[in-house]
Amino acid sequence: MRDTRKRNRHVSVWLNDAELDHLRRQAVAAGLGMDPFLRSLILGVELRPRPPDTYAALLRELSAIGNNINQIAHTVNAQKYAADSQVDRAVALVQRAWRLVKDSF
């Protein structure tokens, strides 16, 4: 019978409880199991913690805010004039974006 495994070499390493706990936490933070986490480290992949679950929603909201600000800027450029209400709206959108980013971390 032929072995069809892509990885046919096994490596063992001894760790104390603290080292094993640290390895597990690092793998979870990266969103990987321990085996894929260790393989990535061996291959020199720059691992970063997995973004929070709210990250995608935050990006969508920031994109909508950016689109709103672009619409305001387009109107102001066409009119060659910015009403106080337009400036206030843009400032409010930037402040909202800042709060969203600050509250997500």
PDB file of N, CA and C in Angstrom:
ATOM      1  N   MET A   1       0.842  -1.172   0.000  1.00  0.00           N
ATOM      2  CA  MET A   1       0.000   0.000   0.000  1.00  0.00           C
ATOM      3  C   MET A   1       0.893   1.243   0.000  1.00  0.00           C
ATOM      4  N   ARG A   2       0.588   2.153  -0.859  1.00  0.00           N
ATOM      5  CA  ARG A   2       1.389   3.359  -1.030  1.00  0.00           C
ATOM      6  C   ARG A   2       0.882   4.483  -0.126  1.00  0.00           C
ATOM      7  N   ASP A   3       1.808   5.167   0.568  1.00  0.00           N
ATOM      8  CA  ASP A   3       1.432   6.284   1.445  1.00  0.00           C
ATOM      9  C   ASP A   3       1.247   7.537   0.593  1.00  0.00           C
ATOM     10  N   THR A   4       0.058   8.111   0.620  1.00  0.00           N
ATOM     11  CA  THR A   4      -0.234   9.285  -0.203  1.00  0.00           C
ATOM     12  C   THR A   4      -0.126  10.595   0.571  1.00  0.00           C
ATOM     13  N   ARG A   5       0.402  10.537   1.768  1.00  0.00           N
ATOM     14  CA  ARG A   5       0.583  11.763   2.542  1.00  0.00           C
ATOM     15  C   ARG A   5       1.608  12.663   1.888  1.00  0.00           C
ATOM     16  N   LYS A   6       1.330  13.948   1.919  1.00  0.00           N
ATOM     17  CA  LYS A   6       2.306  14.910   1.411  1.00  0.00           C
ATOM     18  C   LYS A   6       3.426  15.101   2.415  1.00  0.00           C
ATOM     19  N   ARG A   7       3.092  14.983   3.669  1.00  0.00           N
ATOM     20  CA  ARG A   7       4.080  15.143   4.729  1.00  0.00           C
ATOM     21  C   ARG A   7       4.300  13.774   5.360  1.00  0.00           C
ATOM     22  N   ASN A   8       5.466  13.233   5.133  1.00  0.00           N
ATOM     23  CA  ASN A   8       5.709  11.886   5.635  1.00  0.00           C
ATOM     24  C   ASN A   8       6.854  11.840   6.653  1.00  0.00           C
ATOM     25  N   ARG A   9       7.178  12.968   7.220  1.00  0.00           N
ATOM     26  CA  ARG A   9       8.210  13.044   8.261  1.00  0.00           C
ATOM     27  C   ARG A   9       7.592  13.615   9.529  1.00  0.00           C
ATOM     28  N   HIS A  10       7.916  13.014  10.647  1.00  0.00           N
ATOM     29  CA  HIS A  10       7.371  13.444  11.929  1.00  0.00           C
ATOM     30  C   HIS A  10       8.499  13.963  12.810  1.00  0.00           C
ATOM     31  N   VAL A  11       8.236  15.069  13.481  1.00  0.00           N
ATOM     32  CA  VAL A  11       9.213  15.659  14.388  1.00  0.00           C
ATOM     33  C   VAL A  11       8.543  15.818  15.753  1.00  0.00           C
ATOM     34  N   SER A  12       9.240  15.419  16.790  1.00  0.00           N
ATOM     35  CA  SER A  12       8.732  15.596  18.149  1.00  0.00           C
ATOM     36  C   SER A  12       9.578  16.628  18.866  1.00  0.00           C
ATOM     37  N   VAL A  13       8.951  17.357  19.722  1.00  0.00           N
ATOM     38  CA  VAL A  13       9.664  18.339  20.523  1.00  0.00           C
ATOM     39  C   VAL A  13       9.062  18.311  21.932  1.00  0.00           C
ATOM     40  N   TRP A  14       9.912  18.397  22.915  1.00  0.00           N
ATOM     41  CA  TRP A  14       9.447  18.406  24.295  1.00  0.00           C
ATOM     42  C   TRP A  14       9.278  19.844  24.755  1.00  0.00           C
ATOM     43  N   LEU A  15       8.120  20.136  25.357  1.00  0.00           N
ATOM     44  CA  LEU A  15       7.827  21.457  25.886  1.00  0.00           C
ATOM     45  C   LEU A  15       7.354  21.328  27.331  1.00  0.00           C
ATOM     46  N   ASN A  16       7.617  22.354  28.118  1.00  0.00           N
ATOM     47  CA  ASN A  16       7.022  22.360  29.451  1.00  0.00           C
ATOM     48  C   ASN A  16       5.608  22.926  29.340  1.00  0.00           C
ATOM     49  N   ASP A  17       4.882  22.936  30.439  1.00  0.00           N
ATOM     50  CA  ASP A  17       3.480  23.385  30.399  1.00  0.00           C
ATOM     51  C   ASP A  17       3.346  24.830  29.923  1.00  0.00           C
ATOM     52  N   ALA A  18       4.236  25.693  30.387  1.00  0.00           N
ATOM     53  CA  ALA A  18       4.165  27.109  30.004  1.00  0.00           C
ATOM     54  C   ALA A  18       4.441  27.279  28.514  1.00  0.00           C
ATOM     55  N   GLU A  19       5.411  26.545  27.988  1.00  0.00           N
ATOM     56  CA  GLU A  19       5.736  26.651  26.557  1.00  0.00           C
ATOM     57  C   GLU A  19       4.582  26.142  25.697  1.00  0.00           C
ATOM     58  N   LEU A  20       3.983  25.033  26.110  1.00  0.00           N
ATOM     59  CA  LEU A  20       2.855  24.477  25.358  1.00  0.00           C
ATOM     60  C   LEU A  20       1.668  25.435  25.394  1.00  0.00           C
ATOM     61  N   ASP A  21       1.407  26.013  26.547  1.00  0.00           N
ATOM     62  CA  ASP A  21       0.315  26.984  26.673  1.00  0.00           C
ATOM     63  C   ASP A  21       0.570  28.193  25.775  1.00  0.00           C
ATOM     64  N   HIS A  22       1.803  28.669  25.753  1.00  0.00           N
ATOM     65  CA  HIS A  22       2.162  29.805  24.898  1.00  0.00           C
ATOM     66  C   HIS A  22       1.979  29.450  23.419  1.00  0.00           C
ATOM     67  N   LEU A  23       2.425  28.272  23.025  1.00  0.00           N
ATOM     68  CA  LEU A  23       2.264  27.819  21.640  1.00  0.00           C
ATOM     69  C   LEU A  23       0.789  27.771  21.261  1.00  0.00           C
ATOM     70  N   ARG A  24      -0.026  27.219  22.122  1.00  0.00           N
ATOM     71  CA  ARG A  24      -1.465  27.139  21.834  1.00  0.00           C
ATOM     72  C   ARG A  24      -2.084  28.527  21.687  1.00  0.00           C
ATOM     73  N   ARG A  25      -1.729  29.451  22.600  1.00  0.00           N
ATOM     74  CA  ARG A  25      -2.279  30.814  22.526  1.00  0.00           C
ATOM     75  C   ARG A  25      -1.855  31.517  21.241  1.00  0.00           C
ATOM     76  N   GLN A  26      -0.595  31.336  20.852  1.00  0.00           N
ATOM     77  CA  GLN A  26      -0.106  31.971  19.632  1.00  0.00           C
ATOM     78  C   GLN A  26      -0.819  31.419  18.398  1.00  0.00           C
ATOM     79  N   ALA A  27      -1.037  30.112  18.369  1.00  0.00           N
ATOM     80  CA  ALA A  27      -1.728  29.491  17.237  1.00  0.00           C
ATOM     81  C   ALA A  27      -3.173  29.983  17.154  1.00  0.00           C
ATOM     82  N   VAL A  28      -3.842  30.056  18.290  1.00  0.00           N
ATOM     83  CA  VAL A  28      -5.228  30.544  18.312  1.00  0.00           C
ATOM     84  C   VAL A  28      -5.278  31.995  17.860  1.00  0.00           C
ATOM     85  N   ALA A  29      -4.341  32.810  18.343  1.00  0.00           N
ATOM     86  CA  ALA A  29      -4.319  34.230  17.965  1.00  0.00           C
ATOM     87  C   ALA A  29      -4.128  34.388  16.458  1.00  0.00           C
ATOM     88  N   ALA A  30      -3.374  33.487  15.850  1.00  0.00           N
ATOM     89  CA  ALA A  30      -3.145  33.546  14.403  1.00  0.00           C
ATOM     90  C   ALA A  30      -4.296  32.905  13.625  1.00  0.00           C
ATOM     91  N   GLY A  31      -5.222  32.259  14.340  1.00  0.00           N
ATOM     92  CA  GLY A  31      -6.345  31.610  13.671  1.00  0.00           C
ATOM     93  C   GLY A  31      -5.956  30.299  13.018  1.00  0.00           C
ATOM     94  N   LEU A  32      -4.930  29.635  13.567  1.00  0.00           N
ATOM     95  CA  LEU A  32      -4.430  28.387  12.988  1.00  0.00           C
ATOM     96  C   LEU A  32      -4.374  27.300  14.049  1.00  0.00           C
ATOM     97  N   GLY A  33      -4.356  26.053  13.577  1.00  0.00           N
ATOM     98  CA  GLY A  33      -4.054  24.941  14.468  1.00  0.00           C
ATOM     99  C   GLY A  33      -2.555  24.945  14.747  1.00  0.00           C
ATOM    100  N   MET A  34      -2.143  24.136  15.715  1.00  0.00           N
ATOM    101  CA  MET A  34      -0.719  24.148  16.073  1.00  0.00           C
ATOM    102  C   MET A  34       0.171  23.655  14.927  1.00  0.00           C
ATOM    103  N   ASP A  35      -0.236  22.599  14.227  1.00  0.00           N
ATOM    104  CA  ASP A  35       0.600  22.099  13.125  1.00  0.00           C
ATOM    105  C   ASP A  35       0.782  23.140  12.020  1.00  0.00           C
ATOM    106  N   PRO A  36      -0.311  23.724  11.485  1.00  0.00           N
ATOM    107  CA  PRO A  36      -0.128  24.752  10.455  1.00  0.00           C
ATOM    108  C   PRO A  36       0.640  25.972  10.978  1.00  0.00           C
ATOM    109  N   PHE A  37       0.430  26.306  12.253  1.00  0.00           N
ATOM    110  CA  PHE A  37       1.137  27.432  12.855  1.00  0.00           C
ATOM    111  C   PHE A  37       2.643  27.170  12.845  1.00  0.00           C
ATOM    112  N   LEU A  38       3.048  25.993  13.296  1.00  0.00           N
ATOM    113  CA  LEU A  38       4.480  25.661  13.334  1.00  0.00           C
ATOM    114  C   LEU A  38       5.072  25.576  11.926  1.00  0.00           C
ATOM    115  N   ARG A  39       4.329  24.994  10.987  1.00  0.00           N
ATOM    116  CA  ARG A  39       4.826  24.936   9.603  1.00  0.00           C
ATOM    117  C   ARG A  39       5.041  26.341   9.045  1.00  0.00           C
ATOM    118  N   SER A  40       4.112  27.236   9.325  1.00  0.00           N
ATOM    119  CA  SER A  40       4.248  28.617   8.847  1.00  0.00           C
ATOM    120  C   SER A  40       5.475  29.286   9.441  1.00  0.00           C
ATOM    121  N   LEU A  41       5.709  29.070  10.725  1.00  0.00           N
ATOM    122  CA  LEU A  41       6.904  29.633  11.359  1.00  0.00           C
ATOM    123  C   LEU A  41       8.175  29.078  10.723  1.00  0.00           C
ATOM    124  N   ILE A  42       8.200  27.779  10.483  1.00  0.00           N
ATOM    125  CA  ILE A  42       9.376  27.140   9.881  1.00  0.00           C
ATOM    126  C   ILE A  42       9.642  27.710   8.496  1.00  0.00           C
ATOM    127  N   LEU A  43       8.575  27.991   7.742  1.00  0.00           N
ATOM    128  CA  LEU A  43       8.723  28.522   6.387  1.00  0.00           C
ATOM    129  C   LEU A  43       8.996  30.023   6.369  1.00  0.00           C
ATOM    130  N   GLY A  44       9.030  30.639   7.539  1.00  0.00           N
ATOM    131  CA  GLY A  44       9.343  32.059   7.608  1.00  0.00           C
ATOM    132  C   GLY A  44       8.186  32.984   7.291  1.00  0.00           C
ATOM    133  N   VAL A  45       6.966  32.455   7.356  1.00  0.00           N
ATOM    134  CA  VAL A  45       5.785  33.281   7.104  1.00  0.00           C
ATOM    135  C   VAL A  45       5.635  34.262   8.258  1.00  0.00           C
ATOM    136  N   GLU A  46       5.397  35.530   7.931  1.00  0.00           N
ATOM    137  CA  GLU A  46       5.180  36.531   8.969  1.00  0.00           C
ATOM    138  C   GLU A  46       3.742  36.402   9.458  1.00  0.00           C
ATOM    139  N   LEU A  47       3.598  35.860  10.650  1.00  0.00           N
ATOM    140  CA  LEU A  47       2.271  35.628  11.209  1.00  0.00           C
ATOM    141  C   LEU A  47       1.834  36.821  12.042  1.00  0.00           C
ATOM    142  N   ARG A  48       0.582  37.145  11.893  1.00  0.00           N
ATOM    143  CA  ARG A  48      -0.017  38.237  12.662  1.00  0.00           C
ATOM    144  C   ARG A  48      -1.272  37.711  13.327  1.00  0.00           C
ATOM    145  N   PRO A  49      -1.664  38.346  14.421  1.00  0.00           N
ATOM    146  CA  PRO A  49      -2.914  37.907  15.049  1.00  0.00           C
ATOM    147  C   PRO A  49      -4.088  38.075  14.093  1.00  0.00           C
ATOM    148  N   ARG A  50      -5.025  37.153  14.172  1.00  0.00           N
ATOM    149  CA  ARG A  50      -6.228  37.233  13.353  1.00  0.00           C
ATOM    150  C   ARG A  50      -7.000  38.492  13.735  1.00  0.00           C
ATOM    151  N   PRO A  51      -7.491  39.232  12.754  1.00  0.00           N
ATOM    152  CA  PRO A  51      -8.263  40.442  13.090  1.00  0.00           C
ATOM    153  C   PRO A  51      -9.503  40.084  13.895  1.00  0.00           C
ATOM    154  N   PRO A  52      -9.959  41.009  14.724  1.00  0.00           N
ATOM    155  CA  PRO A  52     -11.190  40.734  15.480  1.00  0.00           C
ATOM    156  C   PRO A  52     -12.367  40.500  14.535  1.00  0.00           C
ATOM    157  N   ASP A  53     -13.369  39.799  15.032  1.00  0.00           N
ATOM    158  CA  ASP A  53     -14.544  39.482  14.208  1.00  0.00           C
ATOM    159  C   ASP A  53     -15.263  40.742  13.738  1.00  0.00           C
ATOM    160  N   THR A  54     -15.128  41.824  14.460  1.00  0.00           N
ATOM    161  CA  THR A  54     -15.800  43.068  14.089  1.00  0.00           C
ATOM    162  C   THR A  54     -15.051  43.827  12.992  1.00  0.00           C
ATOM    163  N   TYR A  55     -13.893  43.318  12.593  1.00  0.00           N
ATOM    164  CA  TYR A  55     -13.033  43.999  11.627  1.00  0.00           C
ATOM    165  C   TYR A  55     -13.720  44.200  10.275  1.00  0.00           C
ATOM    166  N   ALA A  56     -14.400  43.184   9.769  1.00  0.00           N
ATOM    167  CA  ALA A  56     -15.066  43.292   8.464  1.00  0.00           C
ATOM    168  C   ALA A  56     -16.173  44.334   8.515  1.00  0.00           C
ATOM    169  N   ALA A  57     -16.951  44.323   9.599  1.00  0.00           N
ATOM    170  CA  ALA A  57     -18.025  45.312   9.738  1.00  0.00           C
ATOM    171  C   ALA A  57     -17.443  46.714   9.847  1.00  0.00           C
ATOM    172  N   LEU A  58     -16.337  46.846  10.551  1.00  0.00           N
ATOM    173  CA  LEU A  58     -15.674  48.146  10.689  1.00  0.00           C
ATOM    174  C   LEU A  58     -15.197  48.649   9.331  1.00  0.00           C
ATOM    175  N   LEU A  59     -14.614  47.772   8.527  1.00  0.00           N
ATOM    176  CA  LEU A  59     -14.154  48.176   7.193  1.00  0.00           C
ATOM    177  C   LEU A  59     -15.319  48.625   6.309  1.00  0.00           C
ATOM    178  N   ARG A  60     -16.442  47.922   6.383  1.00  0.00           N
ATOM    179  CA  ARG A  60     -17.620  48.323   5.596  1.00  0.00           C
ATOM    180  C   ARG A  60     -18.106  49.703   6.031  1.00  0.00           C
ATOM    181  N   GLU A  61     -18.158  49.918   7.332  1.00  0.00           N
ATOM    182  CA  GLU A  61     -18.631  51.207   7.852  1.00  0.00           C
ATOM    183  C   GLU A  61     -17.675  52.328   7.460  1.00  0.00           C
ATOM    184  N   LEU A  62     -16.375  52.086   7.569  1.00  0.00           N
ATOM    185  CA  LEU A  62     -15.400  53.100   7.173  1.00  0.00           C
ATOM    186  C   LEU A  62     -15.481  53.394   5.677  1.00  0.00           C
ATOM    187  N   SER A  63     -15.742  52.362   4.893  1.00  0.00           N
ATOM    188  CA  SER A  63     -15.900  52.563   3.454  1.00  0.00           C
ATOM    189  C   SER A  63     -17.109  53.451   3.160  1.00  0.00           C
ATOM    190  N   ALA A  64     -18.212  53.196   3.860  1.00  0.00           N
ATOM    191  CA  ALA A  64     -19.415  54.017   3.665  1.00  0.00           C
ATOM    192  C   ALA A  64     -19.156  55.461   4.077  1.00  0.00           C
ATOM    193  N   ILE A  65     -18.431  55.636   5.189  1.00  0.00           N
ATOM    194  CA  ILE A  65     -18.096  56.988   5.644  1.00  0.00           C
ATOM    195  C   ILE A  65     -17.212  57.686   4.616  1.00  0.00           C
ATOM    196  N   GLY A  66     -16.234  56.961   4.093  1.00  0.00           N
ATOM    197  CA  GLY A  66     -15.356  57.525   3.065  1.00  0.00           C
ATOM    198  C   GLY A  66     -16.134  57.934   1.823  1.00  0.00           C
ATOM    199  N   ASN A  67     -17.078  57.101   1.412  1.00  0.00           N
ATOM    200  CA  ASN A  67     -17.911  57.446   0.251  1.00  0.00           C
ATOM    201  C   ASN A  67     -18.730  58.702   0.513  1.00  0.00           C
ATOM    202  N   ASN A  68     -19.257  58.808   1.728  1.00  0.00           N
ATOM    203  CA  ASN A  68     -20.025  59.997   2.101  1.00  0.00           C
ATOM    204  C   ASN A  68     -19.160  61.249   2.031  1.00  0.00           C
ATOM    205  N   ILE A  69     -17.967  61.160   2.571  1.00  0.00           N
ATOM    206  CA  ILE A  69     -17.052  62.308   2.551  1.00  0.00           C
ATOM    207  C   ILE A  69     -16.675  62.665   1.113  1.00  0.00           C
ATOM    208  N   ASN A  70     -16.472  61.662   0.261  1.00  0.00           N
ATOM    209  CA  ASN A  70     -16.165  61.928  -1.153  1.00  0.00           C
ATOM    210  C   ASN A  70     -17.318  62.644  -1.850  1.00  0.00           C
ATOM    211  N   GLN A  71     -18.550  62.257  -1.529  1.00  0.00           N
ATOM    212  CA  GLN A  71     -19.704  62.935  -2.116  1.00  0.00           C
ATOM    213  C   GLN A  71     -19.763  64.393  -1.675  1.00  0.00           C
ATOM    214  N   ILE A  72     -19.479  64.629  -0.405  1.00  0.00           N
ATOM    215  CA  ILE A  72     -19.457  66.010   0.094  1.00  0.00           C
ATOM    216  C   ILE A  72     -18.361  66.795  -0.622  1.00  0.00           C
ATOM    217  N   ALA A  73     -17.179  66.195  -0.750  1.00  0.00           N
ATOM    218  CA  ALA A  73     -16.064  66.882  -1.414  1.00  0.00           C
ATOM    219  C   ALA A  73     -16.392  67.175  -2.875  1.00  0.00           C
ATOM    220  N   HIS A  74     -17.043  66.247  -3.550  1.00  0.00           N
ATOM    221  CA  HIS A  74     -17.423  66.444  -4.949  1.00  0.00           C
ATOM    222  C   HIS A  74     -18.371  67.638  -5.085  1.00  0.00           C
ATOM    223  N   THR A  75     -19.359  67.699  -4.198  1.00  0.00           N
ATOM    224  CA  THR A  75     -20.315  68.807  -4.225  1.00  0.00           C
ATOM    225  C   THR A  75     -19.621  70.135  -3.957  1.00  0.00           C
ATOM    226  N   VAL A  76     -18.740  70.131  -2.972  1.00  0.00           N
ATOM    227  CA  VAL A  76     -18.014  71.361  -2.631  1.00  0.00           C
ATOM    228  C   VAL A  76     -17.138  71.802  -3.805  1.00  0.00           C
ATOM    229  N   ASN A  77     -16.456  70.863  -4.454  1.00  0.00           N
ATOM    230  CA  ASN A  77     -15.608  71.201  -5.605  1.00  0.00           C
ATOM    231  C   ASN A  77     -16.431  71.766  -6.760  1.00  0.00           C
ATOM    232  N   ALA A  78     -17.624  71.232  -6.962  1.00  0.00           N
ATOM    233  CA  ALA A  78     -18.477  71.711  -8.050  1.00  0.00           C
ATOM    234  C   ALA A  78     -19.006  73.114  -7.758  1.00  0.00           C
ATOM    235  N   GLN A  79     -19.303  73.375  -6.503  1.00  0.00           N
ATOM    236  CA  GLN A  79     -19.863  74.672  -6.127  1.00  0.00           C
ATOM    237  C   GLN A  79     -18.773  75.717  -5.857  1.00  0.00           C
ATOM    238  N   LYS A  80     -17.564  75.253  -5.643  1.00  0.00           N
ATOM    239  CA  LYS A  80     -16.445  76.134  -5.262  1.00  0.00           C
ATOM    240  C   LYS A  80     -16.746  76.850  -3.951  1.00  0.00           C
ATOM    241  N   TYR A  81     -17.577  76.196  -3.140  1.00  0.00           N
ATOM    242  CA  TYR A  81     -17.990  76.801  -1.884  1.00  0.00           C
ATOM    243  C   TYR A  81     -18.410  75.676  -0.944  1.00  0.00           C
ATOM    244  N   ALA A  82     -18.059  75.789   0.319  1.00  0.00           N
ATOM    245  CA  ALA A  82     -18.467  74.802   1.318  1.00  0.00           C
ATOM    246  C   ALA A  82     -19.331  75.477   2.371  1.00  0.00           C
ATOM    247  N   ALA A  83     -20.554  75.038   2.459  1.00  0.00           N
ATOM    248  CA  ALA A  83     -21.454  75.554   3.496  1.00  0.00           C
ATOM    249  C   ALA A  83     -21.014  74.992   4.840  1.00  0.00           C
ATOM    250  N   ASP A  84     -21.296  75.726   5.889  1.00  0.00           N
ATOM    251  CA  ASP A  84     -20.941  75.265   7.232  1.00  0.00           C
ATOM    252  C   ASP A  84     -21.524  73.886   7.518  1.00  0.00           C
ATOM    253  N   SER A  85     -22.729  73.641   7.045  1.00  0.00           N
ATOM    254  CA  SER A  85     -23.377  72.349   7.295  1.00  0.00           C
ATOM    255  C   SER A  85     -22.609  71.210   6.625  1.00  0.00           C
ATOM    256  N   GLN A  86     -22.037  71.472   5.438  1.00  0.00           N
ATOM    257  CA  GLN A  86     -21.256  70.442   4.750  1.00  0.00           C
ATOM    258  C   GLN A  86     -19.962  70.140   5.510  1.00  0.00           C
ATOM    259  N   VAL A  87     -19.316  71.184   5.981  1.00  0.00           N
ATOM    260  CA  VAL A  87     -18.086  71.001   6.753  1.00  0.00           C
ATOM    261  C   VAL A  87     -18.402  70.266   8.059  1.00  0.00           C
ATOM    262  N   ASP A  88     -19.484  70.669   8.711  1.00  0.00           N
ATOM    263  CA  ASP A  88     -19.881  70.022   9.961  1.00  0.00           C
ATOM    264  C   ASP A  88     -20.180  68.537   9.737  1.00  0.00           C
ATOM    265  N   ARG A  89     -20.839  68.226   8.637  1.00  0.00           N
ATOM    266  CA  ARG A  89     -21.170  66.829   8.315  1.00  0.00           C
ATOM    267  C   ARG A  89     -19.889  66.029   8.087  1.00  0.00           C
ATOM    268  N   ALA A  90     -18.937  66.593   7.358  1.00  0.00           N
ATOM    269  CA  ALA A  90     -17.669  65.903   7.103  1.00  0.00           C
ATOM    270  C   ALA A  90     -16.912  65.674   8.408  1.00  0.00           C
ATOM    271  N   VAL A  91     -16.882  66.673   9.255  1.00  0.00           N
ATOM    272  CA  VAL A  91     -16.198  66.545  10.551  1.00  0.00           C
ATOM    273  C   VAL A  91     -16.872  65.456  11.390  1.00  0.00           C
ATOM    274  N   ALA A  92     -18.195  65.441  11.391  1.00  0.00           N
ATOM    275  CA  ALA A  92     -18.934  64.436  12.161  1.00  0.00           C
ATOM    276  C   ALA A  92     -18.622  63.025  11.650  1.00  0.00           C
ATOM    277  N   LEU A  93     -18.517  62.873  10.335  1.00  0.00           N
ATOM    278  CA  LEU A  93     -18.207  61.562   9.760  1.00  0.00           C
ATOM    279  C   LEU A  93     -16.802  61.111  10.144  1.00  0.00           C
ATOM    280  N   VAL A  94     -15.849  62.016  10.116  1.00  0.00           N
ATOM    281  CA  VAL A  94     -14.478  61.669  10.504  1.00  0.00           C
ATOM    282  C   VAL A  94     -14.433  61.294  11.985  1.00  0.00           C
ATOM    283  N   GLN A  95     -15.148  62.034  12.820  1.00  0.00           N
ATOM    284  CA  GLN A  95     -15.192  61.718  14.252  1.00  0.00           C
ATOM    285  C   GLN A  95     -15.835  60.355  14.488  1.00  0.00           C
ATOM    286  N   ARG A  96     -16.885  60.051  13.732  1.00  0.00           N
ATOM    287  CA  ARG A  96     -17.543  58.747  13.844  1.00  0.00           C
ATOM    288  C   ARG A  96     -16.589  57.632  13.454  1.00  0.00           C
ATOM    289  N   ALA A  97     -15.838  57.851  12.383  1.00  0.00           N
ATOM    290  CA  ALA A  97     -14.861  56.851  11.948  1.00  0.00           C
ATOM    291  C   ALA A  97     -13.815  56.632  13.033  1.00  0.00           C
ATOM    292  N   TRP A  98     -13.340  57.702  13.618  1.00  0.00           N
ATOM    293  CA  TRP A  98     -12.325  57.596  14.667  1.00  0.00           C
ATOM    294  C   TRP A  98     -12.869  56.812  15.863  1.00  0.00           C
ATOM    295  N   ARG A  99     -14.140  57.082  16.267  1.00  0.00           N
ATOM    296  CA  ARG A  99     -14.735  56.355  17.382  1.00  0.00           C
ATOM    297  C   ARG A  99     -14.862  54.873  17.067  1.00  0.00           C
ATOM    298  N   LEU A 100     -15.256  54.558  15.845  1.00  0.00           N
ATOM    299  CA  LEU A 100     -15.388  53.156  15.450  1.00  0.00           C
ATOM    300  C   LEU A 100     -14.053  52.428  15.547  1.00  0.00           C
ATOM    301  N   VAL A 101     -13.011  53.060  15.057  1.00  0.00           N
ATOM    302  CA  VAL A 101     -11.682  52.434  15.099  1.00  0.00           C
ATOM    303  C   VAL A 101     -11.227  52.283  16.550  1.00  0.00           C
ATOM    304  N   LYS A 102     -11.396  53.323  17.330  1.00  0.00           N
ATOM    305  CA  LYS A 102     -10.948  53.310  18.732  1.00  0.00           C
ATOM    306  C   LYS A 102     -11.705  52.264  19.536  1.00  0.00           C
ATOM    307  N   ASP A 103     -13.014  52.158  19.319  1.00  0.00           N
ATOM    308  CA  ASP A 103     -13.834  51.229  20.086  1.00  0.00           C
ATOM    309  C   ASP A 103     -13.620  49.775  19.671  1.00  0.00           C
ATOM    310  N   SER A 104     -13.075  49.554  18.487  1.00  0.00           N
ATOM    311  CA  SER A 104     -12.905  48.170  18.026  1.00  0.00           C
ATOM    312  C   SER A 104     -11.641  47.530  18.560  1.00  0.00           C
ATOM    313  N   PHE A 105     -10.730  48.316  19.136  1.00  0.00           N
ATOM    314  CA  PHE A 105      -9.472  47.738  19.634  1.00  0.00           C
ATOM    315  C   PHE A 105      -9.327  47.889  21.102  1.00  0.00           C
TER     316      PHE A 105
END
